[in-house]
PDB file of all heavy atoms in Angstrom:
ATOM      1  N   GLY A   1       0.816  -1.216   0.000  1.00  0.00           N
ATOM      2  CA  GLY A   1       0.000   0.000   0.000  1.00  0.00           C
ATOM      3  C   GLY A   1       0.841   1.253   0.000  1.00  0.00           C
ATOM      4  O   GLY A   1       0.555   2.221  -0.726  1.00  0.00           O
ATOM      5  N   GLY A   2       1.911   1.259   0.818  1.00  0.00           N
ATOM      6  CA  GLY A   2       2.801   2.411   0.847  1.00  0.00           C
ATOM      7  C   GLY A   2       3.500   2.615  -0.491  1.00  0.00           C
ATOM      8  O   GLY A   2       3.654   3.750  -0.967  1.00  0.00           O
ATOM      9  N   SER A   3       3.935   1.520  -1.109  1.00  0.00           N
ATOM     10  CA  SER A   3       4.626   1.609  -2.402  1.00  0.00           C
ATOM     11  C   SER A   3       3.700   2.128  -3.486  1.00  0.00           C
ATOM     12  O   SER A   3       4.114   2.903  -4.366  1.00  0.00           O
ATOM     13  CB  SER A   3       5.164   0.233  -2.796  1.00  0.00           C
ATOM     14  OG  SER A   3       6.051  -0.271  -1.819  1.00  0.00           O
ATOM     15  N   PHE A   4       2.440   1.714  -3.450  1.00  0.00           N
ATOM     16  CA  PHE A   4       1.476   2.173  -4.450  1.00  0.00           C
ATOM     17  C   PHE A   4       1.306   3.690  -4.416  1.00  0.00           C
ATOM     18  O   PHE A   4       0.989   4.308  -5.433  1.00  0.00           O
ATOM     19  CB  PHE A   4       0.120   1.498  -4.220  1.00  0.00           C
ATOM     20  CG  PHE A   4       0.025   0.127  -4.844  1.00  0.00           C
ATOM     21  CD1 PHE A   4      -1.106  -0.660  -4.670  1.00  0.00           C
ATOM     22  CD2 PHE A   4       1.059  -0.389  -5.609  1.00  0.00           C
ATOM     23  CE1 PHE A   4      -1.204  -1.913  -5.238  1.00  0.00           C
ATOM     24  CE2 PHE A   4       0.978  -1.640  -6.183  1.00  0.00           C
ATOM     25  CZ  PHE A   4      -0.156  -2.405  -6.006  1.00  0.00           C
ATOM     26  N   PHE A   5       1.501   4.285  -3.246  1.00  0.00           N
ATOM     27  CA  PHE A   5       1.329   5.735  -3.127  1.00  0.00           C
ATOM     28  C   PHE A   5       2.323   6.478  -4.024  1.00  0.00           C
ATOM     29  O   PHE A   5       2.032   7.562  -4.535  1.00  0.00           O
ATOM     30  CB  PHE A   5       1.489   6.183  -1.681  1.00  0.00           C
ATOM     31  CG  PHE A   5       1.150   7.632  -1.449  1.00  0.00           C
ATOM     32  CD1 PHE A   5      -0.161   8.054  -1.358  1.00  0.00           C
ATOM     33  CD2 PHE A   5       2.148   8.593  -1.348  1.00  0.00           C
ATOM     34  CE1 PHE A   5      -0.474   9.392  -1.157  1.00  0.00           C
ATOM     35  CE2 PHE A   5       1.859   9.925  -1.148  1.00  0.00           C
ATOM     36  CZ  PHE A   5       0.533  10.325  -1.042  1.00  0.00           C
ATOM     37  N   TYR A   6       3.508   5.886  -4.216  1.00  0.00           N
ATOM     38  CA  TYR A   6       4.497   6.523  -5.087  1.00  0.00           C
ATOM     39  C   TYR A   6       4.018   6.533  -6.540  1.00  0.00           C
ATOM     40  O   TYR A   6       4.260   7.493  -7.282  1.00  0.00           O
ATOM     41  CB  TYR A   6       5.842   5.804  -4.975  1.00  0.00           C
ATOM     42  CG  TYR A   6       6.553   6.074  -3.672  1.00  0.00           C
ATOM     43  CD1 TYR A   6       6.321   5.288  -2.551  1.00  0.00           C
ATOM     44  CD2 TYR A   6       7.459   7.124  -3.561  1.00  0.00           C
ATOM     45  CE1 TYR A   6       6.967   5.534  -1.352  1.00  0.00           C
ATOM     46  CE2 TYR A   6       8.116   7.382  -2.367  1.00  0.00           C
ATOM     47  CZ  TYR A   6       7.861   6.585  -1.258  1.00  0.00           C
ATOM     48  OH  TYR A   6       8.501   6.847  -0.067  1.00  0.00           O
ATOM     49  N   GLY A   7       3.356   5.449  -6.956  1.00  0.00           N
ATOM     50  CA  GLY A   7       2.784   5.428  -8.293  1.00  0.00           C
ATOM     51  C   GLY A   7       1.721   6.492  -8.460  1.00  0.00           C
ATOM     52  O   GLY A   7       1.649   7.179  -9.498  1.00  0.00           O
ATOM     53  N   ASP A   8       0.890   6.656  -7.437  1.00  0.00           N
ATOM     54  CA  ASP A   8      -0.136   7.701  -7.442  1.00  0.00           C
ATOM     55  C   ASP A   8       0.518   9.079  -7.491  1.00  0.00           C
ATOM     56  O   ASP A   8       0.010  10.006  -8.142  1.00  0.00           O
ATOM     57  CB  ASP A   8      -1.000   7.555  -6.184  1.00  0.00           C
ATOM     58  CG  ASP A   8      -2.167   8.526  -6.165  1.00  0.00           C
ATOM     59  OD1 ASP A   8      -2.619   8.918  -7.254  1.00  0.00           O
ATOM     60  OD2 ASP A   8      -2.618   8.887  -5.066  1.00  0.00           O
ATOM     61  N   GLY A   9       1.680   9.219  -6.820  1.00  0.00           N
ATOM     62  CA  GLY A   9       2.387  10.497  -6.789  1.00  0.00           C
ATOM     63  C   GLY A   9       2.923  10.931  -8.133  1.00  0.00           C
ATOM     64  O   GLY A   9       3.213  12.120  -8.337  1.00  0.00           O
ATOM     65  N   VAL A  10       3.067   9.993  -9.068  1.00  0.00           N
ATOM     66  CA  VAL A  10       3.503  10.341 -10.423  1.00  0.00           C
ATOM     67  C   VAL A  10       2.310  10.724 -11.296  1.00  0.00           C
ATOM     68  O   VAL A  10       2.348  11.725 -12.024  1.00  0.00           O
ATOM     69  CB  VAL A  10       4.267   9.165 -11.062  1.00  0.00           C
ATOM     70  CG1 VAL A  10       4.544   9.436 -12.542  1.00  0.00           C
ATOM     71  CG2 VAL A  10       5.572   8.918 -10.312  1.00  0.00           C
ATOM     72  N   ILE A  11       1.229   9.959 -11.221  1.00  0.00           N
ATOM     73  CA  ILE A  11       0.082  10.181 -12.106  1.00  0.00           C
ATOM     74  C   ILE A  11      -0.699  11.430 -11.720  1.00  0.00           C
ATOM     75  O   ILE A  11      -1.143  12.196 -12.587  1.00  0.00           O
ATOM     76  CB  ILE A  11      -0.849   8.955 -12.091  1.00  0.00           C
ATOM     77  CG1 ILE A  11      -0.086   7.720 -12.576  1.00  0.00           C
ATOM     78  CG2 ILE A  11      -2.058   9.199 -12.981  1.00  0.00           C
ATOM     79  CD1 ILE A  11       0.391   7.802 -14.002  1.00  0.00           C
ATOM     80  N   THR A  12      -0.901  11.672 -10.421  1.00  0.00           N
ATOM     81  CA  THR A  12      -1.747  12.787  -9.975  1.00  0.00           C
ATOM     82  C   THR A  12      -1.277  14.148 -10.483  1.00  0.00           C
ATOM     83  O   THR A  12      -2.068  14.906 -11.064  1.00  0.00           O
ATOM     84  CB  THR A  12      -1.881  12.793  -8.448  1.00  0.00           C
ATOM     85  OG1 THR A  12      -2.538  11.599  -8.030  1.00  0.00           O
ATOM     86  CG2 THR A  12      -2.676  14.001  -7.976  1.00  0.00           C
ATOM     87  N   PRO A  13      -0.002  14.548 -10.296  1.00  0.00           N
ATOM     88  CA  PRO A  13       0.407  15.855 -10.834  1.00  0.00           C
ATOM     89  C   PRO A  13       0.254  15.938 -12.345  1.00  0.00           C
ATOM     90  O   PRO A  13      -0.155  16.979 -12.881  1.00  0.00           O
ATOM     91  CB  PRO A  13       1.881  15.960 -10.421  1.00  0.00           C
ATOM     92  CG  PRO A  13       2.028  15.029  -9.268  1.00  0.00           C
ATOM     93  CD  PRO A  13       1.090  13.899  -9.541  1.00  0.00           C
ATOM     94  N   ALA A  14       0.571  14.843 -13.036  1.00  0.00           N
ATOM     95  CA  ALA A  14       0.512  14.864 -14.497  1.00  0.00           C
ATOM     96  C   ALA A  14      -0.922  15.051 -14.995  1.00  0.00           C
ATOM     97  O   ALA A  14      -1.200  15.927 -15.823  1.00  0.00           O
ATOM     98  CB  ALA A  14       1.112  13.576 -15.060  1.00  0.00           C
ATOM     99  N   ILE A  15      -1.860  14.236 -14.501  1.00  0.00           N
ATOM    100  CA  ILE A  15      -3.236  14.300 -14.996  1.00  0.00           C
ATOM    101  C   ILE A  15      -3.937  15.575 -14.522  1.00  0.00           C
ATOM    102  O   ILE A  15      -4.746  16.163 -15.265  1.00  0.00           O
ATOM    103  CB  ILE A  15      -4.036  13.048 -14.566  1.00  0.00           C
ATOM    104  CG1 ILE A  15      -5.375  12.987 -15.314  1.00  0.00           C
ATOM    105  CG2 ILE A  15      -4.268  13.009 -13.062  1.00  0.00           C
ATOM    106  CD1 ILE A  15      -6.148  11.700 -15.060  1.00  0.00           C
ATOM    107  N   SER A  16      -3.624  16.044 -13.329  1.00  0.00           N
ATOM    108  CA  SER A  16      -4.291  17.238 -12.802  1.00  0.00           C
ATOM    109  C   SER A  16      -3.912  18.477 -13.598  1.00  0.00           C
ATOM    110  O   SER A  16      -4.773  19.242 -14.064  1.00  0.00           O
ATOM    111  CB  SER A  16      -3.939  17.430 -11.323  1.00  0.00           C
ATOM    112  OG  SER A  16      -4.390  16.345 -10.542  1.00  0.00           O
ATOM    113  N   VAL A  17      -2.603  18.703 -13.771  1.00  0.00           N
ATOM    114  CA  VAL A  17      -2.151  19.900 -14.480  1.00  0.00           C
ATOM    115  C   VAL A  17      -2.531  19.833 -15.955  1.00  0.00           C
ATOM    116  O   VAL A  17      -2.993  20.821 -16.541  1.00  0.00           O
ATOM    117  CB  VAL A  17      -0.626  20.076 -14.308  1.00  0.00           C
ATOM    118  CG1 VAL A  17      -0.115  21.219 -15.187  1.00  0.00           C
ATOM    119  CG2 VAL A  17      -0.296  20.352 -12.839  1.00  0.00           C
ATOM    120  N   LEU A  18      -2.374  18.666 -16.580  1.00  0.00           N
ATOM    121  CA  LEU A  18      -2.752  18.523 -17.988  1.00  0.00           C
ATOM    122  C   LEU A  18      -4.235  18.836 -18.199  1.00  0.00           C
ATOM    123  O   LEU A  18      -4.612  19.553 -19.134  1.00  0.00           O
ATOM    124  CB  LEU A  18      -2.453  17.106 -18.470  1.00  0.00           C
ATOM    125  CG  LEU A  18      -1.168  16.876 -19.268  1.00  0.00           C
ATOM    126  CD1 LEU A  18      -1.045  15.413 -19.652  1.00  0.00           C
ATOM    127  CD2 LEU A  18      -1.107  17.755 -20.507  1.00  0.00           C
ATOM    128  N   SER A  19      -5.097  18.301 -17.332  1.00  0.00           N
ATOM    129  CA  SER A  19      -6.536  18.500 -17.500  1.00  0.00           C
ATOM    130  C   SER A  19      -6.923  19.964 -17.343  1.00  0.00           C
ATOM    131  O   SER A  19      -7.875  20.435 -17.972  1.00  0.00           O
ATOM    132  CB  SER A  19      -7.314  17.638 -16.492  1.00  0.00           C
ATOM    133  OG  SER A  19      -6.980  17.984 -15.161  1.00  0.00           O
ATOM    134  N   ALA A  20      -6.188  20.698 -16.512  1.00  0.00           N
ATOM    135  CA  ALA A  20      -6.472  22.129 -16.360  1.00  0.00           C
ATOM    136  C   ALA A  20      -6.003  22.915 -17.576  1.00  0.00           C
ATOM    137  O   ALA A  20      -6.753  23.740 -18.131  1.00  0.00           O
ATOM    138  CB  ALA A  20      -5.803  22.662 -15.095  1.00  0.00           C
ATOM    139  N   ILE A  21      -4.763  22.662 -18.019  1.00  0.00           N
ATOM    140  CA  ILE A  21      -4.224  23.399 -19.166  1.00  0.00           C
ATOM    141  C   ILE A  21      -5.000  23.086 -20.438  1.00  0.00           C
ATOM    142  O   ILE A  21      -5.067  23.895 -21.370  1.00  0.00           O
ATOM    143  CB  ILE A  21      -2.726  23.077 -19.365  1.00  0.00           C
ATOM    144  CG1 ILE A  21      -1.937  23.381 -18.085  1.00  0.00           C
ATOM    145  CG2 ILE A  21      -2.137  23.874 -20.519  1.00  0.00           C
ATOM    146  CD1 ILE A  21      -1.915  24.820 -17.679  1.00  0.00           C
ATOM    147  N   GLU A  22      -5.623  21.899 -20.490  1.00  0.00           N
ATOM    148  CA  GLU A  22      -6.416  21.532 -21.675  1.00  0.00           C
ATOM    149  C   GLU A  22      -7.619  22.440 -21.870  1.00  0.00           C
ATOM    150  O   GLU A  22      -8.277  22.403 -22.930  1.00  0.00           O
ATOM    151  CB  GLU A  22      -6.853  20.078 -21.581  1.00  0.00           C
ATOM    152  CG  GLU A  22      -5.735  19.094 -21.935  1.00  0.00           C
ATOM    153  CD  GLU A  22      -6.054  17.660 -21.563  1.00  0.00           C
ATOM    154  OE1 GLU A  22      -7.142  17.409 -20.999  1.00  0.00           O
ATOM    155  OE2 GLU A  22      -5.206  16.789 -21.819  1.00  0.00           O
ATOM    156  N   GLY A  23      -7.916  23.280 -20.881  1.00  0.00           N
ATOM    157  CA  GLY A  23      -8.958  24.284 -21.062  1.00  0.00           C
ATOM    158  C   GLY A  23      -8.640  25.248 -22.193  1.00  0.00           C
ATOM    159  O   GLY A  23      -9.533  25.922 -22.721  1.00  0.00           O
ATOM    160  N   LEU A  24      -7.349  25.307 -22.593  1.00  0.00           N
ATOM    161  CA  LEU A  24      -6.962  26.148 -23.723  1.00  0.00           C
ATOM    162  C   LEU A  24      -7.688  25.727 -24.990  1.00  0.00           C
ATOM    163  O   LEU A  24      -7.947  26.558 -25.881  1.00  0.00           O
ATOM    164  CB  LEU A  24      -5.442  26.058 -23.945  1.00  0.00           C
ATOM    165  CG  LEU A  24      -4.534  26.843 -22.984  1.00  0.00           C
ATOM    166  CD1 LEU A  24      -3.081  26.486 -23.244  1.00  0.00           C
ATOM    167  CD2 LEU A  24      -4.757  28.345 -23.130  1.00  0.00           C
ATOM    168  N   GLU A  25      -7.998  24.437 -25.126  1.00  0.00           N
ATOM    169  CA  GLU A  25      -8.700  23.954 -26.313  1.00  0.00           C
ATOM    170  C   GLU A  25     -10.062  24.597 -26.463  1.00  0.00           C
ATOM    171  O   GLU A  25     -10.566  24.767 -27.576  1.00  0.00           O
ATOM    172  CB  GLU A  25      -8.857  22.428 -26.251  1.00  0.00           C
ATOM    173  CG  GLU A  25      -7.546  21.658 -26.326  1.00  0.00           C
ATOM    174  CD  GLU A  25      -7.756  20.164 -26.187  1.00  0.00           C
ATOM    175  OE1 GLU A  25      -8.684  19.755 -25.458  1.00  0.00           O
ATOM    176  OE2 GLU A  25      -6.996  19.403 -26.800  1.00  0.00           O
ATOM    177  N   ILE A  26     -10.684  24.937 -25.331  1.00  0.00           N
ATOM    178  CA  ILE A  26     -12.010  25.561 -25.364  1.00  0.00           C
ATOM    179  C   ILE A  26     -11.882  27.059 -25.631  1.00  0.00           C
ATOM    180  O   ILE A  26     -12.660  27.637 -26.400  1.00  0.00           O
ATOM    181  CB  ILE A  26     -12.741  25.317 -24.031  1.00  0.00           C
ATOM    182  CG1 ILE A  26     -12.811  23.816 -23.724  1.00  0.00           C
ATOM    183  CG2 ILE A  26     -14.126  25.933 -24.055  1.00  0.00           C
ATOM    184  CD1 ILE A  26     -13.539  23.005 -24.770  1.00  0.00           C
ATOM    185  N   ILE A  27     -10.888  27.693 -25.002  1.00  0.00           N
ATOM    186  CA  ILE A  27     -10.725  29.145 -25.136  1.00  0.00           C
ATOM    187  C   ILE A  27     -10.192  29.512 -26.514  1.00  0.00           C
ATOM    188  O   ILE A  27     -10.700  30.424 -27.181  1.00  0.00           O
ATOM    189  CB  ILE A  27      -9.777  29.663 -24.035  1.00  0.00           C
ATOM    190  CG1 ILE A  27     -10.383  29.386 -22.655  1.00  0.00           C
ATOM    191  CG2 ILE A  27      -9.502  31.151 -24.209  1.00  0.00           C
ATOM    192  CD1 ILE A  27      -9.446  29.702 -21.508  1.00  0.00           C
ATOM    193  N   ALA A  28      -9.131  28.812 -26.938  1.00  0.00           N
ATOM    194  CA  ALA A  28      -8.513  29.099 -28.239  1.00  0.00           C
ATOM    195  C   ALA A  28      -7.977  27.795 -28.808  1.00  0.00           C
ATOM    196  O   ALA A  28      -6.856  27.398 -28.474  1.00  0.00           O
ATOM    197  CB  ALA A  28      -7.389  30.126 -28.084  1.00  0.00           C
ATOM    198  N   PRO A  29      -8.742  27.119 -29.643  1.00  0.00           N
ATOM    199  CA  PRO A  29      -8.324  25.800 -30.166  1.00  0.00           C
ATOM    200  C   PRO A  29      -6.962  25.817 -30.843  1.00  0.00           C
ATOM    201  O   PRO A  29      -6.262  24.804 -30.860  1.00  0.00           O
ATOM    202  CB  PRO A  29      -9.438  25.464 -31.169  1.00  0.00           C
ATOM    203  CG  PRO A  29     -10.629  26.224 -30.666  1.00  0.00           C
ATOM    204  CD  PRO A  29     -10.092  27.493 -30.090  1.00  0.00           C
ATOM    205  N   SER A  30      -6.559  26.963 -31.379  1.00  0.00           N
ATOM    206  CA  SER A  30      -5.267  27.033 -32.072  1.00  0.00           C
ATOM    207  C   SER A  30      -4.083  26.892 -31.117  1.00  0.00           C
ATOM    208  O   SER A  30      -2.951  26.679 -31.560  1.00  0.00           O
ATOM    209  CB  SER A  30      -5.161  28.366 -32.820  1.00  0.00           C
ATOM    210  OG  SER A  30      -5.237  29.456 -31.912  1.00  0.00           O
ATOM    211  N   LEU A  31      -4.338  27.021 -29.806  1.00  0.00           N
ATOM    212  CA  LEU A  31      -3.252  26.943 -28.821  1.00  0.00           C
ATOM    213  C   LEU A  31      -3.056  25.530 -28.268  1.00  0.00           C
ATOM    214  O   LEU A  31      -2.256  25.352 -27.353  1.00  0.00           O
ATOM    215  CB  LEU A  31      -3.542  27.898 -27.649  1.00  0.00           C
ATOM    216  CG  LEU A  31      -3.604  29.392 -27.978  1.00  0.00           C
ATOM    217  CD1 LEU A  31      -3.949  30.188 -26.719  1.00  0.00           C
ATOM    218  CD2 LEU A  31      -2.273  29.880 -28.559  1.00  0.00           C
ATOM    219  N   ASP A  32      -3.769  24.560 -28.828  1.00  0.00           N
ATOM    220  CA  ASP A  32      -3.698  23.222 -28.251  1.00  0.00           C
ATOM    221  C   ASP A  32      -2.295  22.620 -28.312  1.00  0.00           C
ATOM    222  O   ASP A  32      -1.931  21.782 -27.497  1.00  0.00           O
ATOM    223  CB  ASP A  32      -4.704  22.284 -28.915  1.00  0.00           C
ATOM    224  CG  ASP A  32      -4.420  22.108 -30.413  1.00  0.00           C
ATOM    225  OD1 ASP A  32      -3.646  22.915 -30.964  1.00  0.00           O
ATOM    226  OD2 ASP A  32      -4.997  21.165 -30.999  1.00  0.00           O
ATOM    227  N   ARG A  33      -1.468  23.092 -29.280  1.00  0.00           N
ATOM    228  CA  ARG A  33      -0.112  22.550 -29.361  1.00  0.00           C
ATOM    229  C   ARG A  33       0.784  23.010 -28.213  1.00  0.00           C
ATOM    230  O   ARG A  33       1.890  22.484 -28.028  1.00  0.00           O
ATOM    231  CB  ARG A  33       0.514  22.925 -30.697  1.00  0.00           C
ATOM    232  CG  ARG A  33       0.764  24.414 -30.897  1.00  0.00           C
ATOM    233  CD  ARG A  33       1.325  24.685 -32.290  1.00  0.00           C
ATOM    234  NE  ARG A  33       1.677  26.084 -32.512  1.00  0.00           N
ATOM    235  CZ  ARG A  33       0.820  27.010 -32.881  1.00  0.00           C
ATOM    236  NH1 ARG A  33      -0.457  26.693 -33.063  1.00  0.00           N
ATOM    237  NH2 ARG A  33       1.219  28.263 -33.075  1.00  0.00           N
ATOM    238  N   PHE A  34       0.313  24.016 -27.467  1.00  0.00           N
ATOM    239  CA  PHE A  34       1.113  24.522 -26.340  1.00  0.00           C
ATOM    240  C   PHE A  34       0.740  23.864 -25.014  1.00  0.00           C
ATOM    241  O   PHE A  34       1.321  24.196 -23.977  1.00  0.00           O
ATOM    242  CB  PHE A  34       0.931  26.045 -26.205  1.00  0.00           C
ATOM    243  CG  PHE A  34       1.479  26.823 -27.366  1.00  0.00           C
ATOM    244  CD1 PHE A  34       0.623  27.430 -28.268  1.00  0.00           C
ATOM    245  CD2 PHE A  34       2.840  26.919 -27.572  1.00  0.00           C
ATOM    246  CE1 PHE A  34       1.104  28.147 -29.349  1.00  0.00           C
ATOM    247  CE2 PHE A  34       3.352  27.628 -28.650  1.00  0.00           C
ATOM    248  CZ  PHE A  34       2.480  28.246 -29.544  1.00  0.00           C
ATOM    249  N   ILE A  35      -0.219  22.951 -25.031  1.00  0.00           N
ATOM    250  CA  ILE A  35      -0.698  22.349 -23.775  1.00  0.00           C
ATOM    251  C   ILE A  35       0.418  21.607 -23.056  1.00  0.00           C
ATOM    252  O   ILE A  35       0.650  21.808 -21.848  1.00  0.00           O
ATOM    253  CB  ILE A  35      -1.900  21.421 -24.053  1.00  0.00           C
ATOM    254  CG1 ILE A  35      -3.124  22.242 -24.457  1.00  0.00           C
ATOM    255  CG2 ILE A  35      -2.213  20.570 -22.822  1.00  0.00           C
ATOM    256  CD1 ILE A  35      -4.313  21.405 -24.877  1.00  0.00           C
ATOM    257  N   ILE A  36       1.128  20.750 -23.784  1.00  0.00           N
ATOM    258  CA  ILE A  36       2.198  19.972 -23.143  1.00  0.00           C
ATOM    259  C   ILE A  36       3.350  20.872 -22.682  1.00  0.00           C
ATOM    260  O   ILE A  36       3.800  20.762 -21.528  1.00  0.00           O
ATOM    261  CB  ILE A  36       2.707  18.854 -24.080  1.00  0.00           C
ATOM    262  CG1 ILE A  36       1.606  17.797 -24.259  1.00  0.00           C
ATOM    263  CG2 ILE A  36       3.976  18.215 -23.529  1.00  0.00           C
ATOM    264  CD1 ILE A  36       1.990  16.665 -25.184  1.00  0.00           C
ATOM    265  N   PRO A  37       3.859  21.803 -23.523  1.00  0.00           N
ATOM    266  CA  PRO A  37       4.919  22.703 -23.029  1.00  0.00           C
ATOM    267  C   PRO A  37       4.500  23.520 -21.811  1.00  0.00           C
ATOM    268  O   PRO A  37       5.287  23.685 -20.870  1.00  0.00           O
ATOM    269  CB  PRO A  37       5.200  23.616 -24.228  1.00  0.00           C
ATOM    270  CG  PRO A  37       4.799  22.808 -25.413  1.00  0.00           C
ATOM    271  CD  PRO A  37       3.611  22.007 -24.961  1.00  0.00           C
ATOM    272  N   PHE A  38       3.264  24.051 -21.812  1.00  0.00           N
ATOM    273  CA  PHE A  38       2.790  24.816 -20.662  1.00  0.00           C
ATOM    274  C   PHE A  38       2.717  23.936 -19.416  1.00  0.00           C
ATOM    275  O   PHE A  38       3.097  24.359 -18.310  1.00  0.00           O
ATOM    276  CB  PHE A  38       1.415  25.424 -20.955  1.00  0.00           C
ATOM    277  CG  PHE A  38       1.462  26.643 -21.847  1.00  0.00           C
ATOM    278  CD1 PHE A  38       0.293  27.227 -22.311  1.00  0.00           C
ATOM    279  CD2 PHE A  38       2.677  27.202 -22.214  1.00  0.00           C
ATOM    280  CE1 PHE A  38       0.324  28.345 -23.150  1.00  0.00           C
ATOM    281  CE2 PHE A  38       2.725  28.314 -23.050  1.00  0.00           C
ATOM    282  CZ  PHE A  38       1.557  28.879 -23.519  1.00  0.00           C
ATOM    283  N   SER A  39       2.234  22.716 -19.576  1.00  0.00           N
ATOM    284  CA  SER A  39       2.119  21.800 -18.440  1.00  0.00           C
ATOM    285  C   SER A  39       3.497  21.480 -17.859  1.00  0.00           C
ATOM    286  O   SER A  39       3.686  21.470 -16.637  1.00  0.00           O
ATOM    287  CB  SER A  39       1.426  20.501 -18.864  1.00  0.00           C
ATOM    288  OG  SER A  39       0.121  20.754 -19.346  1.00  0.00           O
ATOM    289  N   ILE A  40       4.450  21.231 -18.753  1.00  0.00           N
ATOM    290  CA  ILE A  40       5.819  20.944 -18.292  1.00  0.00           C
ATOM    291  C   ILE A  40       6.405  22.150 -17.576  1.00  0.00           C
ATOM    292  O   ILE A  40       7.069  22.016 -16.537  1.00  0.00           O
ATOM    293  CB  ILE A  40       6.704  20.523 -19.482  1.00  0.00           C
ATOM    294  CG1 ILE A  40       6.261  19.154 -20.008  1.00  0.00           C
ATOM    295  CG2 ILE A  40       8.174  20.487 -19.085  1.00  0.00           C
ATOM    296  CD1 ILE A  40       6.993  18.701 -21.251  1.00  0.00           C
ATOM    297  N   ALA A  41       6.148  23.356 -18.108  1.00  0.00           N
ATOM    298  CA  ALA A  41       6.676  24.571 -17.481  1.00  0.00           C
ATOM    299  C   ALA A  41       6.102  24.757 -16.082  1.00  0.00           C
ATOM    300  O   ALA A  41       6.833  25.088 -15.133  1.00  0.00           O
ATOM    301  CB  ALA A  41       6.349  25.781 -18.355  1.00  0.00           C
ATOM    302  N   VAL A  42       4.791  24.548 -15.943  1.00  0.00           N
ATOM    303  CA  VAL A  42       4.143  24.703 -14.629  1.00  0.00           C
ATOM    304  C   VAL A  42       4.712  23.703 -13.622  1.00  0.00           C
ATOM    305  O   VAL A  42       5.053  24.059 -12.483  1.00  0.00           O
ATOM    306  CB  VAL A  42       2.613  24.532 -14.763  1.00  0.00           C
ATOM    307  CG1 VAL A  42       1.964  24.413 -13.384  1.00  0.00           C
ATOM    308  CG2 VAL A  42       2.004  25.705 -15.516  1.00  0.00           C
ATOM    309  N   LEU A  43       4.843  22.451 -14.039  1.00  0.00           N
ATOM    310  CA  LEU A  43       5.347  21.423 -13.124  1.00  0.00           C
ATOM    311  C   LEU A  43       6.829  21.620 -12.813  1.00  0.00           C
ATOM    312  O   LEU A  43       7.274  21.346 -11.689  1.00  0.00           O
ATOM    313  CB  LEU A  43       5.105  20.035 -13.720  1.00  0.00           C
ATOM    314  CG  LEU A  43       3.644  19.580 -13.684  1.00  0.00           C
ATOM    315  CD1 LEU A  43       3.430  18.375 -14.589  1.00  0.00           C
ATOM    316  CD2 LEU A  43       3.214  19.256 -12.254  1.00  0.00           C
TER     317      LEU A  43
END
């Protein structure tokens, strides 16, 4: 159980920040190519 928490510690930041930055697709679809760079910069 303790070891599994480390796996969760990798997925949670990645999916949380990505899902938030993906809001760019709704605001300006042309910016979708910047989602991954922005997510990496934030993290």
